[in-house]
Protein backbone atom coordinates (compact mmCIF):
# COMPACT_ATOMS: atom_id res chain seq x y z
CA MET A 1 36.27 5.63 7.43
CA GLU A 2 35.86 2.23 6.58
CA ASP A 3 33.83 1.96 9.83
CA SER A 4 31.19 4.41 8.31
CA ASN A 5 31.83 2.92 5.07
CA ASN A 6 30.48 -0.30 6.46
CA ASP A 7 27.47 1.23 8.33
CA GLU A 8 26.42 2.81 4.84
CA ILE A 9 26.47 -0.51 3.37
CA VAL A 10 24.44 -1.94 6.35
CA ALA A 11 22.02 0.67 5.96
CA LEU A 12 21.75 0.54 2.18
CA ALA A 13 21.24 -3.55 2.52
CA THR A 14 18.74 -3.10 5.40
CA ARG A 15 16.74 -0.28 3.43
CA LYS A 16 16.63 -2.71 0.06
CA LYS A 17 15.62 -5.85 2.50
CA GLU A 18 12.85 -3.61 3.58
CA LEU A 19 11.69 -2.42 -0.11
CA ILE A 20 11.69 -5.98 -1.28
CA GLN A 21 9.67 -7.17 2.04
CA ALA A 22 7.17 -4.47 0.89
CA PHE A 23 7.15 -5.88 -2.76
CA LEU A 24 6.16 -9.11 -1.55
CA GLU A 25 3.28 -8.04 0.67
CA LEU A 26 2.09 -5.90 -2.38
CA THR A 27 2.53 -8.87 -4.53
CA GLN A 28 0.29 -11.17 -1.79
CA ALA A 29 -2.13 -8.29 -1.80
CA GLN A 30 -2.42 -8.14 -5.94
CA ALA A 31 -2.77 -12.29 -5.72
CA GLU A 32 -5.97 -11.58 -3.24
CA ALA A 33 -7.01 -8.79 -5.73
CA ILE A 34 -7.08 -10.84 -8.54
CA ARG A 35 -8.74 -13.63 -6.84
CA THR A 36 -11.87 -11.26 -5.78
CA GLU A 37 -11.50 -10.06 -9.40
CA ASN A 38 -10.99 -6.14 -7.51
CA PHE A 39 -9.16 -4.83 -10.87
CA ASP A 40 -9.00 -1.25 -9.56
CA SER A 41 -7.00 -2.60 -6.66
CA ILE A 42 -5.11 -4.58 -9.04
CA LEU A 43 -3.91 -1.53 -10.90
CA ASN A 44 -3.25 0.50 -7.96
CA LEU A 45 -0.82 -2.31 -6.60
CA ILE A 46 1.10 -2.63 -9.68
CA ASN A 47 1.67 1.31 -9.75
CA GLN A 48 2.90 0.88 -5.95
CA LYS A 49 5.33 -2.10 -6.83
CA GLN A 50 6.74 -0.32 -9.65
CA ASN A 51 7.53 2.67 -7.22
CA ILE A 52 9.51 0.01 -5.08
CA ILE A 53 11.41 -1.31 -7.92
CA GLU A 54 12.45 2.03 -8.89
CA GLN A 55 13.12 2.94 -5.21
CA VAL A 56 15.46 -0.59 -5.60
CA ASN A 57 16.99 0.16 -8.60
CA LEU A 58 18.45 3.56 -7.10
CA LEU A 59 19.56 1.95 -4.09
CA ASP A 60 21.59 -0.49 -6.42
CA LEU A 61 22.93 2.51 -8.29
CA GLU A 62 24.29 3.90 -4.82
CA SER A 63 25.57 0.83 -3.74
CA LEU A 64 27.69 0.13 -6.98
CA ASN A 65 30.69 1.63 -5.09
CA HIS A 66 30.24 -0.51 -1.96
CA ILE A 67 30.04 -4.31 -2.27
CA PRO A 68 29.16 -5.86 1.07
CA ALA A 69 31.95 -8.57 1.65
CA ASP A 70 31.60 -9.70 5.25
CA ASP A 71 27.34 -9.18 5.65
CA GLN A 72 26.21 -11.79 3.28
CA ASP A 73 23.37 -13.09 5.75
CA LEU A 74 21.27 -9.68 4.79
CA VAL A 75 22.25 -10.22 1.54
CA ARG A 76 20.79 -13.68 1.25
CA GLN A 77 17.97 -12.93 2.98
CA THR A 78 16.86 -10.49 0.57
CA LYS A 79 17.52 -12.33 -2.22
CA GLU A 80 15.19 -15.02 -0.80
CA LEU A 81 12.67 -12.81 -0.16
CA MET A 82 12.98 -11.53 -3.96
CA ALA A 83 12.79 -15.17 -5.20
CA VAL A 84 9.52 -15.56 -3.49
CA ALA A 85 8.13 -12.30 -4.87
CA ILE A 86 9.10 -13.43 -8.21
CA VAL A 87 7.43 -16.38 -7.91
CA LEU A 88 4.09 -15.02 -6.86
CA ASP A 89 4.35 -12.42 -9.36
CA HIS A 90 5.08 -14.87 -12.11
CA GLU A 91 1.84 -16.76 -10.82
CA ASN A 92 -0.24 -13.11 -10.48
CA ILE A 93 0.72 -12.62 -13.78
CA GLN A 94 -0.15 -15.83 -15.11
CA ALA A 95 -4.02 -15.35 -13.16
CA LEU A 96 -4.23 -12.15 -14.81
CA GLN A 97 -3.66 -13.45 -18.55
CA GLN A 98 -6.11 -16.35 -17.71
CA ASN A 99 -8.78 -13.72 -16.02
CA ARG A 100 -8.16 -11.58 -19.41
CA ASP A 101 -8.76 -14.29 -21.51
CA LEU A 102 -12.04 -15.39 -19.38
CA MET A 103 -13.21 -11.55 -19.88
CA PHE A 104 -12.79 -11.69 -23.48
CA GLU A 105 -14.91 -14.69 -23.77
CA LYS A 106 -17.87 -13.06 -22.09
CA LEU A 107 -17.60 -10.11 -24.10
CA LYS A 108 -17.60 -12.09 -27.10
CA ALA A 109 -20.69 -13.70 -25.92
CA ALA A 110 -22.09 -10.71 -25.12
CA LYS A 111 -21.62 -9.33 -28.43
CA GLN A 112 -22.83 -12.68 -30.05
CA ASN A 113 -26.10 -11.97 -27.96
CA THR A 114 -26.59 -8.44 -29.26
CA LYS A 115 -26.26 -10.24 -32.90
CA VAL A 116 -29.21 -12.54 -32.14
CA HIS A 117 -31.15 -9.99 -30.45
CA SER A 118 -30.83 -7.88 -33.83
CA ILE A 119 -31.79 -10.72 -35.80
CA TYR A 120 -35.03 -11.35 -33.61
CA ARG A 121 -36.28 -7.94 -32.87
CA GLY A 122 -34.76 -5.89 -35.77
CA ALA A 123 -31.70 -3.81 -35.98
CA GLY A 124 -33.26 -0.75 -34.50
CA GLN A 125 -35.12 -2.14 -31.25
CA PRO A 126 -33.19 -1.22 -28.15
CA ILE A 127 -31.70 -3.96 -25.93
CA GLU A 128 -33.17 -4.47 -22.48
CA GLY A 129 -30.00 -5.78 -20.97
CA VAL A 130 -27.11 -8.30 -21.56
CA PHE A 131 -26.09 -10.68 -18.93
CA LEU A 132 -22.64 -12.26 -18.00
CA ASP A 133 -23.29 -15.84 -16.88
CA LYS A 134 -20.75 -16.04 -13.97
CA ARG A 135 -21.23 -20.14 -13.66
CA LYS A 136 -19.19 -20.62 -17.02
């Protein structure tokens, strides 16, 4: 009975480590999507990461009755992976925050340009186009 209990504990810990590894890979992909400003991909990756978080939470609930006493190495590796993922995820959040502020700045400049256009050409005249300067 104790042997099957240990096998179950190791299986749960191994599955959790695999999920954390997948979370880390998604977080790295998210960092790349942020660098390339691929916002559709960012939203998709966030949804996938949320799914993994829910799976990890379910595994944690399953393992409440089975606390590993002798397999600390697997637990340590999982914690290290999670620490790396948390740091990278925090950096991604900061990059998204910075990009959001930059996007708001570009939209504000575009709105200002439309005001200037209406002053010079009249409020009823259509706008030919609004350009966002990528060099700023």
